[in-house]
Structures are given as structure tokens and as C-alpha cells.
Amino acid sequence: MARILLIEDSPTDTAVLTQLLERNGHRVLASDNAEDGIEMCRRERPDLVLMDIILPGMNGFQATRALSRDDDTRSIPVLIVSTKGMETDKAWGLRQGARDYIVKPPREEDLVARINALLEP
């Protein structure tokens, strides 16, 4: 069981992803904006971050870059989960420090497999 921080501003997506993650044995922490999510990540030290891109204020690309450059959080993998499905979006997300990128809505099997791969020691 992993502790996963979900940074997602859509209440519907938060509910769906939380149910999916809990059904697969994970504990979910959630934030509806990037700034609070970054602080929560520093404080709670989750095993993984699921990051939306389109967020109020700071976007998910900026938040991913901030987490990947911070000594306290750089070892925590970020998996971007976004409706932005173009290859340039994926490339940019990975360049900001994300370890993986999946397009919404993800298939449960695909998301769980990617999470498990990122959580392997």
C-alpha cells in the first residue's frame, strides 16, 4: 500500500481516481491546487504524486518542475494524469521532471501498472 498525493482540481476526477486508488490498496491524500499540493508533498512525503496539468494558479507543469528541483521532494515520483494528450505535452511534462504521463481518462489497469512500476525499488 502506497500513500499517493493527488493534485487535481476537478471534484469528479478526484472522486473517481480516489476510488480507483483505494480499490487497489492505496491511501490517498488530495489537494485541489498546485501550491497547496507542493506544501502537502513537502509535509506528508507521499510515495507518489498524481499531477493534473490544468490547475488554478500554478499549473501542473510548473508544480512538477518545483517538486523535481526541490531537495526534499525530488525523490518522489510524479505521474502526470491529464486531458492534454499531445506528444509535445507529454515531452514537456517529462522534461519538467515527471517520471511518466498518462492521458485522462486512464484505464484502471494501465494506471495501476504505471503506478506499480514507479513504486518499485
PDB file of N, CA and C in Angstrom:
ATOM      1  N   MET A   1       0.838  -1.187   0.000  1.00  0.00           N
ATOM      2  CA  MET A   1       0.000   0.000   0.000  1.00  0.00           C
ATOM      3  C   MET A   1       0.879   1.244   0.000  1.00  0.00           C
ATOM      4  N   ALA A   2       0.611   2.142  -0.926  1.00  0.00           N
ATOM      5  CA  ALA A   2       1.375   3.379  -1.032  1.00  0.00           C
ATOM      6  C   ALA A   2       0.494   4.554  -0.618  1.00  0.00           C
ATOM      7  N   ARG A   3       1.162   5.596  -0.162  1.00  0.00           N
ATOM      8  CA  ARG A   3       0.478   6.868   0.087  1.00  0.00           C
ATOM      9  C   ARG A   3       0.673   7.707  -1.164  1.00  0.00           C
ATOM     10  N   ILE A   4      -0.448   8.062  -1.796  1.00  0.00           N
ATOM     11  CA  ILE A   4      -0.405   8.784  -3.061  1.00  0.00           C
ATOM     12  C   ILE A   4      -1.075  10.141  -2.894  1.00  0.00           C
ATOM     13  N   LEU A   5      -0.346  11.188  -3.300  1.00  0.00           N
ATOM     14  CA  LEU A   5      -0.890  12.538  -3.281  1.00  0.00           C
ATOM     15  C   LEU A   5      -1.480  12.839  -4.650  1.00  0.00           C
ATOM     16  N   LEU A   6      -2.758  13.156  -4.664  1.00  0.00           N
ATOM     17  CA  LEU A   6      -3.473  13.501  -5.891  1.00  0.00           C
ATOM     18  C   LEU A   6      -3.649  15.011  -5.933  1.00  0.00           C
ATOM     19  N   ILE A   7      -3.047  15.652  -6.939  1.00  0.00           N
ATOM     20  CA  ILE A   7      -3.198  17.101  -7.130  1.00  0.00           C
ATOM     21  C   ILE A   7      -4.098  17.278  -8.341  1.00  0.00           C
ATOM     22  N   GLU A   8      -5.366  17.578  -8.077  1.00  0.00           N
ATOM     23  CA  GLU A   8      -6.430  17.560  -9.095  1.00  0.00           C
ATOM     24  C   GLU A   8      -7.509  18.540  -8.670  1.00  0.00           C
ATOM     25  N   ASP A   9      -7.919  19.456  -9.573  1.00  0.00           N
ATOM     26  CA  ASP A   9      -8.921  20.456  -9.201  1.00  0.00           C
ATOM     27  C   ASP A   9     -10.353  20.036  -9.506  1.00  0.00           C
ATOM     28  N   SER A  10     -10.563  18.984 -10.258  1.00  0.00           N
ATOM     29  CA  SER A  10     -11.918  18.526 -10.565  1.00  0.00           C
ATOM     30  C   SER A  10     -12.424  17.599  -9.459  1.00  0.00           C
ATOM     31  N   PRO A  11     -13.498  17.989  -8.765  1.00  0.00           N
ATOM     32  CA  PRO A  11     -14.041  17.110  -7.717  1.00  0.00           C
ATOM     33  C   PRO A  11     -14.437  15.730  -8.274  1.00  0.00           C
ATOM     34  N   THR A  12     -14.949  15.707  -9.499  1.00  0.00           N
ATOM     35  CA  THR A  12     -15.345  14.426 -10.104  1.00  0.00           C
ATOM     36  C   THR A  12     -14.128  13.545 -10.343  1.00  0.00           C
ATOM     37  N   ASP A  13     -13.085  14.108 -10.963  1.00  0.00           N
ATOM     38  CA  ASP A  13     -11.875  13.323 -11.211  1.00  0.00           C
ATOM     39  C   ASP A  13     -11.224  12.899  -9.897  1.00  0.00           C
ATOM     40  N   THR A  14     -11.242  13.776  -8.904  1.00  0.00           N
ATOM     41  CA  THR A  14     -10.687  13.424  -7.594  1.00  0.00           C
ATOM     42  C   THR A  14     -11.425  12.226  -7.013  1.00  0.00           C
ATOM     43  N   ALA A  15     -12.753  12.257  -7.076  1.00  0.00           N
ATOM     44  CA  ALA A  15     -13.544  11.151  -6.527  1.00  0.00           C
ATOM     45  C   ALA A  15     -13.282   9.848  -7.285  1.00  0.00           C
ATOM     46  N   VAL A  16     -13.262   9.914  -8.607  1.00  0.00           N
ATOM     47  CA  VAL A  16     -13.050   8.716  -9.423  1.00  0.00           C
ATOM     48  C   VAL A  16     -11.658   8.134  -9.175  1.00  0.00           C
ATOM     49  N   LEU A  17     -10.635   8.982  -9.209  1.00  0.00           N
ATOM     50  CA  LEU A  17      -9.268   8.498  -9.012  1.00  0.00           C
ATOM     51  C   LEU A  17      -9.051   7.999  -7.585  1.00  0.00           C
ATOM     52  N   THR A  18      -9.650   8.673  -6.605  1.00  0.00           N
ATOM     53  CA  THR A  18      -9.529   8.215  -5.214  1.00  0.00           C
ATOM     54  C   THR A  18     -10.131   6.830  -5.056  1.00  0.00           C
ATOM     55  N   GLN A  19     -11.321   6.611  -5.610  1.00  0.00           N
ATOM     56  CA  GLN A  19     -11.958   5.284  -5.533  1.00  0.00           C
ATOM     57  C   GLN A  19     -11.088   4.229  -6.205  1.00  0.00           C
ATOM     58  N   LEU A  20     -10.575   4.545  -7.372  1.00  0.00           N
ATOM     59  CA  LEU A  20      -9.725   3.607  -8.110  1.00  0.00           C
ATOM     60  C   LEU A  20      -8.486   3.255  -7.283  1.00  0.00           C
ATOM     61  N   LEU A  21      -7.822   4.261  -6.734  1.00  0.00           N
ATOM     62  CA  LEU A  21      -6.599   4.025  -5.973  1.00  0.00           C
ATOM     63  C   LEU A  21      -6.878   3.246  -4.690  1.00  0.00           C
ATOM     64  N   GLU A  22      -7.937   3.620  -3.977  1.00  0.00           N
ATOM     65  CA  GLU A  22      -8.276   2.917  -2.735  1.00  0.00           C
ATOM     66  C   GLU A  22      -8.680   1.475  -3.016  1.00  0.00           C
ATOM     67  N   ARG A  23      -9.378   1.256  -4.114  1.00  0.00           N
ATOM     68  CA  ARG A  23      -9.770  -0.102  -4.506  1.00  0.00           C
ATOM     69  C   ARG A  23      -8.535  -0.971  -4.749  1.00  0.00           C
ATOM     70  N   ASN A  24      -7.443  -0.336  -5.126  1.00  0.00           N
ATOM     71  CA  ASN A  24      -6.204  -1.052  -5.387  1.00  0.00           C
ATOM     72  C   ASN A  24      -5.237  -0.991  -4.204  1.00  0.00           C
ATOM     73  N   GLY A  25      -5.751  -0.640  -3.032  1.00  0.00           N
ATOM     74  CA  GLY A  25      -4.984  -0.741  -1.803  1.00  0.00           C
ATOM     75  C   GLY A  25      -4.158   0.461  -1.412  1.00  0.00           C
ATOM     76  N   HIS A  26      -4.343   1.600  -2.074  1.00  0.00           N
ATOM     77  CA  HIS A  26      -3.535   2.778  -1.764  1.00  0.00           C
ATOM     78  C   HIS A  26      -4.284   3.739  -0.853  1.00  0.00           C
ATOM     79  N   ARG A  27      -3.520   4.540  -0.120  1.00  0.00           N
ATOM     80  CA  ARG A  27      -4.082   5.604   0.699  1.00  0.00           C
ATOM     81  C   ARG A  27      -3.917   6.904  -0.073  1.00  0.00           C
ATOM     82  N   VAL A  28      -4.971   7.708  -0.145  1.00  0.00           N
ATOM     83  CA  VAL A  28      -4.956   8.906  -0.978  1.00  0.00           C
ATOM     84  C   VAL A  28      -5.015  10.169  -0.131  1.00  0.00           C
ATOM     85  N   LEU A  29      -4.117  11.097  -0.451  1.00  0.00           N
ATOM     86  CA  LEU A  29      -4.151  12.467   0.057  1.00  0.00           C
ATOM     87  C   LEU A  29      -4.517  13.317  -1.156  1.00  0.00           C
ATOM     88  N   ALA A  30      -5.262  14.380  -0.964  1.00  0.00           N
ATOM     89  CA  ALA A  30      -5.681  15.170  -2.131  1.00  0.00           C
ATOM     90  C   ALA A  30      -5.531  16.661  -1.888  1.00  0.00           C
ATOM     91  N   SER A  31      -5.197  17.347  -2.971  1.00  0.00           N
ATOM     92  CA  SER A  31      -5.133  18.804  -2.980  1.00  0.00           C
ATOM     93  C   SER A  31      -5.771  19.285  -4.273  1.00  0.00           C
ATOM     94  N   ASP A  32      -6.510  20.406  -4.209  1.00  0.00           N
ATOM     95  CA  ASP A  32      -7.194  20.885  -5.415  1.00  0.00           C
ATOM     96  C   ASP A  32      -6.440  22.011  -6.125  1.00  0.00           C
ATOM     97  N   ASN A  33      -5.183  22.278  -5.682  1.00  0.00           N
ATOM     98  CA  ASN A  33      -4.372  23.252  -6.406  1.00  0.00           C
ATOM     99  C   ASN A  33      -2.894  22.941  -6.199  1.00  0.00           C
ATOM    100  N   ALA A  34      -2.078  23.460  -7.094  1.00  0.00           N
ATOM    101  CA  ALA A  34      -0.651  23.121  -7.104  1.00  0.00           C
ATOM    102  C   ALA A  34       0.096  23.663  -5.891  1.00  0.00           C
ATOM    103  N   GLU A  35      -0.187  24.888  -5.504  1.00  0.00           N
ATOM    104  CA  GLU A  35       0.544  25.488  -4.391  1.00  0.00           C
ATOM    105  C   GLU A  35       0.353  24.685  -3.102  1.00  0.00           C
ATOM    106  N   ASP A  36      -0.900  24.373  -2.780  1.00  0.00           N
ATOM    107  CA  ASP A  36      -1.169  23.572  -1.578  1.00  0.00           C
ATOM    108  C   ASP A  36      -0.621  22.157  -1.743  1.00  0.00           C
ATOM    109  N   GLY A  37      -0.690  21.628  -2.967  1.00  0.00           N
ATOM    110  CA  GLY A  37      -0.173  20.289  -3.227  1.00  0.00           C
ATOM    111  C   GLY A  37       1.325  20.199  -2.984  1.00  0.00           C
ATOM    112  N   ILE A  38       2.065  21.219  -3.396  1.00  0.00           N
ATOM    113  CA  ILE A  38       3.513  21.237  -3.167  1.00  0.00           C
ATOM    114  C   ILE A  38       3.803  21.251  -1.666  1.00  0.00           C
ATOM    115  N   GLU A  39       3.090  22.096  -0.935  1.00  0.00           N
ATOM    116  CA  GLU A  39       3.283  22.145   0.523  1.00  0.00           C
ATOM    117  C   GLU A  39       2.918  20.816   1.167  1.00  0.00           C
ATOM    118  N   MET A  40       1.821  20.215   0.724  1.00  0.00           N
ATOM    119  CA  MET A  40       1.399  18.933   1.269  1.00  0.00           C
ATOM    120  C   MET A  40       2.447  17.854   0.963  1.00  0.00           C
ATOM    121  N   CYS A  41       3.027  17.919  -0.213  1.00  0.00           N
ATOM    122  CA  CYS A  41       4.053  16.956  -0.606  1.00  0.00           C
ATOM    123  C   CYS A  41       5.279  17.100   0.308  1.00  0.00           C
ATOM    124  N   ARG A  42       5.683  18.314   0.583  1.00  0.00           N
ATOM    125  CA  ARG A  42       6.832  18.544   1.479  1.00  0.00           C
ATOM    126  C   ARG A  42       6.541  18.050   2.895  1.00  0.00           C
ATOM    127  N   ARG A  43       5.318  18.274   3.349  1.00  0.00           N
ATOM    128  CA  ARG A  43       4.935  17.930   4.720  1.00  0.00           C
ATOM    129  C   ARG A  43       4.677  16.434   4.894  1.00  0.00           C
ATOM    130  N   GLU A  44       3.940  15.843   3.954  1.00  0.00           N
ATOM    131  CA  GLU A  44       3.475  14.463   4.101  1.00  0.00           C
ATOM    132  C   GLU A  44       4.409  13.410   3.504  1.00  0.00           C
ATOM    133  N   ARG A  45       5.281  13.820   2.573  1.00  0.00           N
ATOM    134  CA  ARG A  45       6.222  12.907   1.931  1.00  0.00           C
ATOM    135  C   ARG A  45       5.534  11.639   1.382  1.00  0.00           C
ATOM    136  N   PRO A  46       4.606  11.811   0.423  1.00  0.00           N
ATOM    137  CA  PRO A  46       3.917  10.644  -0.140  1.00  0.00           C
ATOM    138  C   PRO A  46       4.888   9.781  -0.945  1.00  0.00           C
ATOM    139  N   ASP A  47       4.461   8.583  -1.276  1.00  0.00           N
ATOM    140  CA  ASP A  47       5.281   7.674  -2.082  1.00  0.00           C
ATOM    141  C   ASP A  47       5.249   8.054  -3.560  1.00  0.00           C
ATOM    142  N   LEU A  48       4.173   8.755  -3.975  1.00  0.00           N
ATOM    143  CA  LEU A  48       3.965   9.093  -5.384  1.00  0.00           C
ATOM    144  C   LEU A  48       3.022  10.283  -5.460  1.00  0.00           C
ATOM    145  N   VAL A  49       3.170  11.091  -6.510  1.00  0.00           N
ATOM    146  CA  VAL A  49       2.247  12.205  -6.769  1.00  0.00           C
ATOM    147  C   VAL A  49       1.586  11.965  -8.114  1.00  0.00           C
ATOM    148  N   LEU A  50       0.244  12.053  -8.152  1.00  0.00           N
ATOM    149  CA  LEU A  50      -0.506  12.076  -9.413  1.00  0.00           C
ATOM    150  C   LEU A  50      -0.858  13.537  -9.650  1.00  0.00           C
ATOM    151  N   MET A  51      -0.407  14.079 -10.772  1.00  0.00           N
ATOM    152  CA  MET A  51      -0.495  15.521 -11.037  1.00  0.00           C
ATOM    153  C   MET A  51      -1.342  15.821 -12.266  1.00  0.00           C
ATOM    154  N   ASP A  52      -2.371  16.639 -12.080  1.00  0.00           N
ATOM    155  CA  ASP A  52      -3.116  17.187 -13.207  1.00  0.00           C
ATOM    156  C   ASP A  52      -2.291  18.347 -13.780  1.00  0.00           C
ATOM    157  N   ILE A  53      -2.564  18.747 -15.002  1.00  0.00           N
ATOM    158  CA  ILE A  53      -1.849  19.868 -15.612  1.00  0.00           C
ATOM    159  C   ILE A  53      -2.643  21.157 -15.499  1.00  0.00           C
ATOM    160  N   ILE A  54      -3.919  21.094 -15.850  1.00  0.00           N
ATOM    161  CA  ILE A  54      -4.747  22.299 -15.864  1.00  0.00           C
ATOM    162  C   ILE A  54      -5.294  22.515 -14.453  1.00  0.00           C
ATOM    163  N   LEU A  55      -4.660  23.448 -13.753  1.00  0.00           N
ATOM    164  CA  LEU A  55      -4.998  23.747 -12.368  1.00  0.00           C
ATOM    165  C   LEU A  55      -5.142  25.255 -12.213  1.00  0.00           C
ATOM    166  N   PRO A  56      -5.895  25.718 -11.205  1.00  0.00           N
ATOM    167  CA  PRO A  56      -5.978  27.155 -10.967  1.00  0.00           C
ATOM    168  C   PRO A  56      -4.640  27.671 -10.447  1.00  0.00           C
ATOM    169  N   GLY A  57      -4.251  28.859 -10.845  1.00  0.00           N
ATOM    170  CA  GLY A  57      -2.974  29.411 -10.400  1.00  0.00           C
ATOM    171  C   GLY A  57      -1.826  28.700 -11.104  1.00  0.00           C
ATOM    172  N   MET A  58      -0.903  28.182 -10.323  1.00  0.00           N
ATOM    173  CA  MET A  58       0.238  27.445 -10.872  1.00  0.00           C
ATOM    174  C   MET A  58      -0.259  26.183 -11.577  1.00  0.00           C
ATOM    175  N   ASN A  59       0.260  25.925 -12.794  1.00  0.00           N
ATOM    176  CA  ASN A  59      -0.186  24.716 -13.496  1.00  0.00           C
ATOM    177  C   ASN A  59       0.656  23.504 -13.085  1.00  0.00           C
ATOM    178  N   GLY A  60       0.231  22.338 -13.547  1.00  0.00           N
ATOM    179  CA  GLY A  60       0.891  21.105 -13.164  1.00  0.00           C
ATOM    180  C   GLY A  60       2.315  20.979 -13.686  1.00  0.00           C
ATOM    181  N   PHE A  61       2.603  21.568 -14.843  1.00  0.00           N
ATOM    182  CA  PHE A  61       3.979  21.549 -15.346  1.00  0.00           C
ATOM    183  C   PHE A  61       4.898  22.310 -14.375  1.00  0.00           C
ATOM    184  N   GLN A  62       4.445  23.495 -13.944  1.00  0.00           N
ATOM    185  CA  GLN A  62       5.231  24.311 -13.015  1.00  0.00           C
ATOM    186  C   GLN A  62       5.404  23.594 -11.673  1.00  0.00           C
ATOM    187  N   ALA A  63       4.330  22.970 -11.204  1.00  0.00           N
ATOM    188  CA  ALA A  63       4.384  22.255  -9.921  1.00  0.00           C
ATOM    189  C   ALA A  63       5.317  21.047 -10.009  1.00  0.00           C
ATOM    190  N   THR A  64       5.272  20.338 -11.132  1.00  0.00           N
ATOM    191  CA  THR A  64       6.160  19.190 -11.325  1.00  0.00           C
ATOM    192  C   THR A  64       7.613  19.649 -11.313  1.00  0.00           C
ATOM    193  N   ARG A  65       7.891  20.742 -12.003  1.00  0.00           N
ATOM    194  CA  ARG A  65       9.244  21.287 -12.027  1.00  0.00           C
ATOM    195  C   ARG A  65       9.686  21.674 -10.608  1.00  0.00           C
ATOM    196  N   ALA A  66       8.800  22.313  -9.850  1.00  0.00           N
ATOM    197  CA  ALA A  66       9.138  22.716  -8.484  1.00  0.00           C
ATOM    198  C   ALA A  66       9.450  21.496  -7.617  1.00  0.00           C
ATOM    199  N   LEU A  67       8.640  20.455  -7.719  1.00  0.00           N
ATOM    200  CA  LEU A  67       8.869  19.250  -6.914  1.00  0.00           C
ATOM    201  C   LEU A  67      10.151  18.537  -7.321  1.00  0.00           C
ATOM    202  N   SER A  68      10.416  18.485  -8.624  1.00  0.00           N
ATOM    203  CA  SER A  68      11.585  17.739  -9.098  1.00  0.00           C
ATOM    204  C   SER A  68      12.901  18.475  -8.822  1.00  0.00           C
ATOM    205  N   ARG A  69      12.816  19.780  -8.544  1.00  0.00           N
ATOM    206  CA  ARG A  69      14.032  20.553  -8.267  1.00  0.00           C
ATOM    207  C   ARG A  69      14.265  20.801  -6.781  1.00  0.00           C
ATOM    208  N   ASP A  70      13.309  20.409  -5.959  1.00  0.00           N
ATOM    209  CA  ASP A  70      13.403  20.619  -4.513  1.00  0.00           C
ATOM    210  C   ASP A  70      14.102  19.410  -3.880  1.00  0.00           C
ATOM    211  N   ASP A  71      15.159  19.663  -3.103  1.00  0.00           N
ATOM    212  CA  ASP A  71      15.907  18.572  -2.470  1.00  0.00           C
ATOM    213  C   ASP A  71      15.013  17.674  -1.616  1.00  0.00           C
ATOM    214  N   ASP A  72      13.983  18.241  -1.001  1.00  0.00           N
ATOM    215  CA  ASP A  72      13.109  17.470  -0.119  1.00  0.00           C
ATOM    216  C   ASP A  72      12.113  16.589  -0.868  1.00  0.00           C
ATOM    217  N   THR A  73      11.821  16.907  -2.128  1.00  0.00           N
ATOM    218  CA  THR A  73      10.769  16.168  -2.843  1.00  0.00           C
ATOM    219  C   THR A  73      11.230  15.527  -4.146  1.00  0.00           C
ATOM    220  N   ARG A  74      12.456  15.771  -4.567  1.00  0.00           N
ATOM    221  CA  ARG A  74      12.893  15.291  -5.891  1.00  0.00           C
ATOM    222  C   ARG A  74      12.861  13.774  -6.023  1.00  0.00           C
ATOM    223  N   SER A  75      12.955  13.043  -4.914  1.00  0.00           N
ATOM    224  CA  SER A  75      12.944  11.580  -4.997  1.00  0.00           C
ATOM    225  C   SER A  75      11.529  10.999  -5.093  1.00  0.00           C
ATOM    226  N   ILE A  76      10.514  11.842  -4.932  1.00  0.00           N
ATOM    227  CA  ILE A  76       9.116  11.382  -5.008  1.00  0.00           C
ATOM    228  C   ILE A  76       8.685  11.418  -6.477  1.00  0.00           C
ATOM    229  N   PRO A  77       8.343  10.252  -7.048  1.00  0.00           N
ATOM    230  CA  PRO A  77       7.970  10.254  -8.463  1.00  0.00           C
ATOM    231  C   PRO A  77       6.652  10.972  -8.714  1.00  0.00           C
ATOM    232  N   VAL A  78       6.610  11.706  -9.839  1.00  0.00           N
ATOM    233  CA  VAL A  78       5.395  12.399 -10.275  1.00  0.00           C
ATOM    234  C   VAL A  78       4.894  11.711 -11.538  1.00  0.00           C
ATOM    235  N   LEU A  79       3.635  11.323 -11.513  1.00  0.00           N
ATOM    236  CA  LEU A  79       2.946  10.756 -12.674  1.00  0.00           C
ATOM    237  C   LEU A  79       1.885  11.763 -13.083  1.00  0.00           C
ATOM    238  N   ILE A  80       2.046  12.346 -14.262  1.00  0.00           N
ATOM    239  CA  ILE A  80       1.065  13.311 -14.750  1.00  0.00           C
ATOM    240  C   ILE A  80      -0.136  12.558 -15.316  1.00  0.00           C
ATOM    241  N   VAL A  81      -1.335  13.003 -14.906  1.00  0.00           N
ATOM    242  CA  VAL A  81      -2.598  12.452 -15.402  1.00  0.00           C
ATOM    243  C   VAL A  81      -3.380  13.640 -15.938  1.00  0.00           C
ATOM    244  N   SER A  82      -3.467  13.764 -17.276  1.00  0.00           N
ATOM    245  CA  SER A  82      -4.019  14.980 -17.870  1.00  0.00           C
ATOM    246  C   SER A  82      -4.847  14.700 -19.117  1.00  0.00           C
ATOM    247  N   THR A  83      -5.748  15.619 -19.413  1.00  0.00           N
ATOM    248  CA  THR A  83      -6.505  15.545 -20.664  1.00  0.00           C
ATOM    249  C   THR A  83      -5.653  16.000 -21.836  1.00  0.00           C
ATOM    250  N   LYS A  84      -4.538  16.674 -21.555  1.00  0.00           N
ATOM    251  CA  LYS A  84      -3.647  17.167 -22.616  1.00  0.00           C
ATOM    252  C   LYS A  84      -2.875  15.965 -23.169  1.00  0.00           C
ATOM    253  N   GLY A  85      -3.282  15.499 -24.354  1.00  0.00           N
ATOM    254  CA  GLY A  85      -2.762  14.248 -24.861  1.00  0.00           C
ATOM    255  C   GLY A  85      -1.783  14.341 -26.019  1.00  0.00           C
ATOM    256  N   MET A  86      -1.336  15.529 -26.352  1.00  0.00           N
ATOM    257  CA  MET A  86      -0.407  15.639 -27.475  1.00  0.00           C
ATOM    258  C   MET A  86       0.994  15.203 -27.043  1.00  0.00           C
ATOM    259  N   GLU A  87       1.768  14.711 -27.995  1.00  0.00           N
ATOM    260  CA  GLU A  87       3.136  14.265 -27.697  1.00  0.00           C
ATOM    261  C   GLU A  87       3.985  15.402 -27.128  1.00  0.00           C
ATOM    262  N   THR A  88       3.735  16.635 -27.597  1.00  0.00           N
ATOM    263  CA  THR A  88       4.511  17.766 -27.076  1.00  0.00           C
ATOM    264  C   THR A  88       4.205  17.991 -25.590  1.00  0.00           C
ATOM    265  N   ASP A  89       2.946  17.763 -25.179  1.00  0.00           N
ATOM    266  CA  ASP A  89       2.583  17.886 -23.758  1.00  0.00           C
ATOM    267  C   ASP A  89       3.318  16.837 -22.944  1.00  0.00           C
ATOM    268  N   LYS A  90       3.314  15.614 -23.431  1.00  0.00           N
ATOM    269  CA  LYS A  90       3.992  14.525 -22.732  1.00  0.00           C
ATOM    270  C   LYS A  90       5.493  14.821 -22.631  1.00  0.00           C
ATOM    271  N   ALA A  91       6.096  15.214 -23.739  1.00  0.00           N
ATOM    272  CA  ALA A  91       7.527  15.509 -23.742  1.00  0.00           C
ATOM    273  C   ALA A  91       7.850  16.634 -22.758  1.00  0.00           C
ATOM    274  N   TRP A  92       7.022  17.671 -22.733  1.00  0.00           N
ATOM    275  CA  TRP A  92       7.254  18.797 -21.840  1.00  0.00           C
ATOM    276  C   TRP A  92       7.100  18.356 -20.384  1.00  0.00           C
ATOM    277  N   GLY A  93       6.088  17.547 -20.101  1.00  0.00           N
ATOM    278  CA  GLY A  93       5.888  17.050 -18.737  1.00  0.00           C
ATOM    279  C   GLY A  93       7.075  16.235 -18.249  1.00  0.00           C
ATOM    280  N   LEU A  94       7.598  15.373 -19.102  1.00  0.00           N
ATOM    281  CA  LEU A  94       8.758  14.564 -18.724  1.00  0.00           C
ATOM    282  C   LEU A  94       9.991  15.452 -18.556  1.00  0.00           C
ATOM    283  N   ARG A  95      10.086  16.475 -19.376  1.00  0.00           N
ATOM    284  CA  ARG A  95      11.216  17.391 -19.274  1.00  0.00           C
ATOM    285  C   ARG A  95      11.176  18.196 -17.968  1.00  0.00           C
ATOM    286  N   GLN A  96       9.964  18.400 -17.427  1.00  0.00           N
ATOM    287  CA  GLN A  96       9.824  19.133 -16.168  1.00  0.00           C
ATOM    288  C   GLN A  96      10.148  18.262 -14.958  1.00  0.00           C
ATOM    289  N   GLY A  97      10.311  16.954 -15.194  1.00  0.00           N
ATOM    290  CA  GLY A  97      10.680  16.065 -14.094  1.00  0.00           C
ATOM    291  C   GLY A  97       9.701  14.946 -13.806  1.00  0.00           C
ATOM    292  N   ALA A  98       8.579  14.908 -14.526  1.00  0.00           N
ATOM    293  CA  ALA A  98       7.642  13.797 -14.323  1.00  0.00           C
ATOM    294  C   ALA A  98       8.317  12.492 -14.747  1.00  0.00           C
ATOM    295  N   ARG A  99       7.979  11.415 -14.065  1.00  0.00           N
ATOM    296  CA  ARG A  99       8.550  10.108 -14.411  1.00  0.00           C
ATOM    297  C   ARG A  99       7.689   9.366 -15.423  1.00  0.00           C
ATOM    298  N   ASP A 100       6.410   9.774 -15.538  1.00  0.00           N
ATOM    299  CA  ASP A 100       5.519   9.149 -16.510  1.00  0.00           C
ATOM    300  C   ASP A 100       4.372  10.113 -16.778  1.00  0.00           C
ATOM    301  N   TYR A 101       3.591   9.802 -17.813  1.00  0.00           N
ATOM    302  CA  TYR A 101       2.499  10.680 -18.265  1.00  0.00           C
ATOM    303  C   TYR A 101       1.415   9.778 -18.828  1.00  0.00           C
ATOM    304  N   ILE A 102       0.190   9.963 -18.364  1.00  0.00           N
ATOM    305  CA  ILE A 102      -0.929   9.174 -18.871  1.00  0.00           C
ATOM    306  C   ILE A 102      -2.091  10.124 -19.153  1.00  0.00           C
ATOM    307  N   VAL A 103      -2.839   9.841 -20.217  1.00  0.00           N
ATOM    308  CA  VAL A 103      -3.937  10.715 -20.641  1.00  0.00           C
ATOM    309  C   VAL A 103      -5.240  10.279 -19.968  1.00  0.00           C
ATOM    310  N   LYS A 104      -6.019  11.279 -19.537  1.00  0.00           N
ATOM    311  CA  LYS A 104      -7.352  11.040 -18.957  1.00  0.00           C
ATOM    312  C   LYS A 104      -8.342  10.703 -20.051  1.00  0.00           C
ATOM    313  N   PRO A 105      -9.320   9.902 -19.749  1.00  0.00           N
ATOM    314  CA  PRO A 105      -9.416   9.098 -18.540  1.00  0.00           C
ATOM    315  C   PRO A 105      -8.560   7.839 -18.689  1.00  0.00           C
ATOM    316  N   PRO A 106      -7.734   7.542 -17.696  1.00  0.00           N
ATOM    317  CA  PRO A 106      -6.885   6.358 -17.816  1.00  0.00           C
ATOM    318  C   PRO A 106      -7.692   5.079 -17.576  1.00  0.00           C
ATOM    319  N   ARG A 107      -7.286   4.019 -18.263  1.00  0.00           N
ATOM    320  CA  ARG A 107      -7.856   2.710 -17.950  1.00  0.00           C
ATOM    321  C   ARG A 107      -7.257   2.275 -16.621  1.00  0.00           C
ATOM    322  N   GLU A 108      -8.074   1.686 -15.771  1.00  0.00           N
ATOM    323  CA  GLU A 108      -7.619   1.316 -14.431  1.00  0.00           C
ATOM    324  C   GLU A 108      -6.362   0.447 -14.483  1.00  0.00           C
ATOM    325  N   GLU A 109      -6.357  -0.550 -15.370  1.00  0.00           N
ATOM    326  CA  GLU A 109      -5.211  -1.470 -15.448  1.00  0.00           C
ATOM    327  C   GLU A 109      -3.935  -0.713 -15.830  1.00  0.00           C
ATOM    328  N   ASP A 110      -4.065   0.231 -16.768  1.00  0.00           N
ATOM    329  CA  ASP A 110      -2.902   1.000 -17.216  1.00  0.00           C
ATOM    330  C   ASP A 110      -2.363   1.883 -16.084  1.00  0.00           C
ATOM    331  N   LEU A 111      -3.252   2.578 -15.410  1.00  0.00           N
ATOM    332  CA  LEU A 111      -2.821   3.475 -14.335  1.00  0.00           C
ATOM    333  C   LEU A 111      -2.175   2.681 -13.209  1.00  0.00           C
ATOM    334  N   VAL A 112      -2.794   1.574 -12.803  1.00  0.00           N
ATOM    335  CA  VAL A 112      -2.242   0.760 -11.722  1.00  0.00           C
ATOM    336  C   VAL A 112      -0.877   0.198 -12.111  1.00  0.00           C
ATOM    337  N   ALA A 113      -0.736  -0.243 -13.361  1.00  0.00           N
ATOM    338  CA  ALA A 113       0.551  -0.780 -13.819  1.00  0.00           C
ATOM    339  C   ALA A 113       1.636   0.292 -13.786  1.00  0.00           C
ATOM    340  N   ARG A 114       1.302   1.490 -14.204  1.00  0.00           N
ATOM    341  CA  ARG A 114       2.293   2.579 -14.205  1.00  0.00           C
ATOM    342  C   ARG A 114       2.664   2.993 -12.785  1.00  0.00           C
ATOM    343  N   ILE A 115       1.664   3.038 -11.908  1.00  0.00           N
ATOM    344  CA  ILE A 115       1.932   3.359 -10.503  1.00  0.00           C
ATOM    345  C   ILE A 115       2.846   2.299  -9.900  1.00  0.00           C
ATOM    346  N   ASN A 116       2.515   1.022 -10.126  1.00  0.00           N
ATOM    347  CA  ASN A 116       3.341  -0.055  -9.576  1.00  0.00           C
ATOM    348  C   ASN A 116       4.765   0.000 -10.093  1.00  0.00           C
ATOM    349  N   ALA A 117       4.933   0.330 -11.367  1.00  0.00           N
ATOM    350  CA  ALA A 117       6.283   0.427 -11.947  1.00  0.00           C
ATOM    351  C   ALA A 117       7.074   1.546 -11.277  1.00  0.00           C
ATOM    352  N   LEU A 118       6.412   2.678 -10.995  1.00  0.00           N
ATOM    353  CA  LEU A 118       7.114   3.803 -10.363  1.00  0.00           C
ATOM    354  C   LEU A 118       7.408   3.555  -8.896  1.00  0.00           C
ATOM    355  N   LEU A 119       6.636   2.692  -8.261  1.00  0.00           N
ATOM    356  CA  LEU A 119       6.832   2.418  -6.834  1.00  0.00           C
ATOM    357  C   LEU A 119       7.849   1.317  -6.578  1.00  0.00           C
ATOM    358  N   GLU A 120       8.233   0.585  -7.620  1.00  0.00           N
ATOM    359  CA  GLU A 120       9.217  -0.485  -7.439  1.00  0.00           C
ATOM    360  C   GLU A 120      10.550   0.119  -7.013  1.00  0.00           C
ATOM    361  N   PRO A 121      11.209  -0.545  -6.042  1.00  0.00           N
ATOM    362  CA  PRO A 121      12.503  -0.017  -5.578  1.00  0.00           C
ATOM    363  C   PRO A 121      13.583  -0.068  -6.638  1.00  0.00           C
TER     364      PRO A 121
END
